[in-house]
Amino acid sequence: MPRPTAAQLSYGSATVVFSTVAMLLLSRTESGVGVAVIVLAALLLGLLVAVTVPMPLPRRARANADDRTVPAAGAAPVNRAAVVETSAALRVPAREHSLRG
């Protein structure tokens, strides 16, 4: 199992703290059993939030995700080399004055 990210730890911790405070204020419980149940529920909720935060994709997976795009129905296949050559041919040189004369 991969190690949790900083986002997962912070979202889970914030969820535990805020949900515990909110449930204690809303329930107005004074018994030790009630507080224990609320704390346990907040811990489970924080764990659920931390687990559901999406993990970042590795670099290789991000690069491959762009290649897996599906063309629209009826679209002709694209020759990527031709697109690169065409875009390079369409570049217009900048019309700026040189400081060297």
Protein backbone atom coordinates (compact mmCIF):
# COMPACT_ATOMS: atom_id res chain seq x y z
CA MET A 1 0.00 0.00 0.00
CA PRO A 2 1.46 3.40 -0.93
CA ARG A 3 2.28 5.97 1.70
CA PRO A 4 -0.36 8.68 2.27
CA THR A 5 0.26 12.06 0.70
CA ALA A 6 0.29 15.37 2.56
CA ALA A 7 -3.13 16.20 1.15
CA GLN A 8 -4.59 12.96 2.47
CA LEU A 9 -3.14 13.53 5.93
CA SER A 10 -4.31 17.14 6.13
CA TYR A 11 -7.84 16.47 4.82
CA GLY A 12 -8.25 13.50 7.14
CA SER A 13 -6.97 15.40 10.18
CA ALA A 14 -9.11 18.44 9.48
CA THR A 15 -12.15 16.20 9.05
CA VAL A 16 -11.51 14.52 12.40
CA VAL A 17 -11.10 17.79 14.27
CA PHE A 18 -14.02 19.68 12.73
CA SER A 19 -16.44 16.76 12.76
CA THR A 20 -15.62 15.99 16.42
CA VAL A 21 -16.23 19.58 17.47
CA ALA A 22 -19.42 19.84 15.41
CA MET A 23 -20.87 16.56 16.71
CA LEU A 24 -20.00 17.40 20.33
CA LEU A 25 -21.65 20.81 20.04
CA LEU A 26 -24.73 19.48 18.27
CA SER A 27 -25.29 16.46 20.52
CA ARG A 28 -24.59 18.25 23.82
CA THR A 29 -23.51 14.95 25.30
CA GLU A 30 -21.91 14.90 28.73
CA SER A 31 -21.35 11.20 29.26
CA GLY A 32 -18.03 9.52 28.61
CA VAL A 33 -19.64 6.87 26.43
CA GLY A 34 -21.27 9.52 24.23
CA VAL A 35 -17.99 11.35 23.76
CA ALA A 36 -16.23 8.08 22.94
CA VAL A 37 -18.85 7.22 20.31
CA ILE A 38 -18.52 10.68 18.74
CA VAL A 39 -14.72 10.48 18.70
CA LEU A 40 -14.84 7.03 17.12
CA ALA A 41 -17.31 8.24 14.47
CA ALA A 42 -15.09 11.25 13.71
CA LEU A 43 -12.03 9.02 13.36
CA LEU A 44 -13.85 6.75 10.93
CA LEU A 45 -15.08 9.74 8.95
CA GLY A 46 -11.54 11.16 8.81
CA LEU A 47 -10.20 7.81 7.62
CA LEU A 48 -12.88 7.67 4.91
CA VAL A 49 -12.00 11.18 3.71
CA ALA A 50 -8.26 10.46 3.72
CA VAL A 51 -8.71 7.28 1.70
CA THR A 52 -11.00 8.87 -0.89
CA VAL A 53 -8.65 11.78 -1.69
CA PRO A 54 -7.24 10.86 -5.12
CA MET A 55 -3.62 9.81 -5.30
CA PRO A 56 -1.42 11.71 -7.77
CA LEU A 57 -0.49 9.77 -10.90
CA PRO A 58 3.17 8.94 -11.50
CA ARG A 59 4.85 10.88 -14.32
CA ARG A 60 4.82 7.92 -16.67
CA ALA A 61 1.10 7.32 -16.10
CA ARG A 62 0.32 11.01 -16.73
CA ALA A 63 2.20 10.92 -20.03
CA ASN A 64 0.41 7.74 -21.08
CA ALA A 65 -2.99 9.17 -20.11
CA ASP A 66 -2.66 11.78 -22.87
CA ASP A 67 -1.97 9.09 -25.45
CA ARG A 68 -5.08 7.10 -24.53
CA THR A 69 -7.57 9.74 -25.64
CA VAL A 70 -10.29 8.33 -27.85
CA PRO A 71 -11.10 10.21 -31.08
CA ALA A 72 -14.67 11.31 -31.72
CA ALA A 73 -16.95 8.99 -33.65
CA GLY A 74 -16.33 9.30 -37.38
CA ALA A 75 -13.13 11.30 -36.96
CA ALA A 76 -10.25 10.56 -39.30
CA PRO A 77 -7.00 9.38 -37.72
CA VAL A 78 -4.45 12.15 -37.18
CA ASN A 79 -0.88 11.87 -38.41
CA ARG A 80 1.01 13.51 -35.54
CA ALA A 81 4.21 13.96 -37.57
CA ALA A 82 2.29 15.91 -40.23
CA VAL A 83 0.77 18.13 -37.55
CA VAL A 84 4.20 18.95 -36.13
CA GLU A 85 5.63 19.69 -39.58
CA THR A 86 2.65 21.88 -40.50
CA SER A 87 2.79 23.86 -37.29
CA ALA A 88 6.55 24.39 -37.72
CA ALA A 89 6.00 25.60 -41.30
CA LEU A 90 3.30 28.06 -40.19
CA ARG A 91 5.51 29.82 -37.68
CA VAL A 92 6.14 33.39 -38.67
CA PRO A 93 9.48 34.88 -37.65
CA ALA A 94 9.23 37.75 -35.21
CA ARG A 95 9.54 41.15 -36.80
CA GLU A 96 11.59 42.75 -34.10
CA HIS A 97 14.53 45.04 -34.58
CA SER A 98 17.86 43.68 -33.61
CA LEU A 99 19.97 45.66 -31.20
CA ARG A 100 23.13 44.54 -33.02
CA GLY A 101 22.21 46.31 -36.25
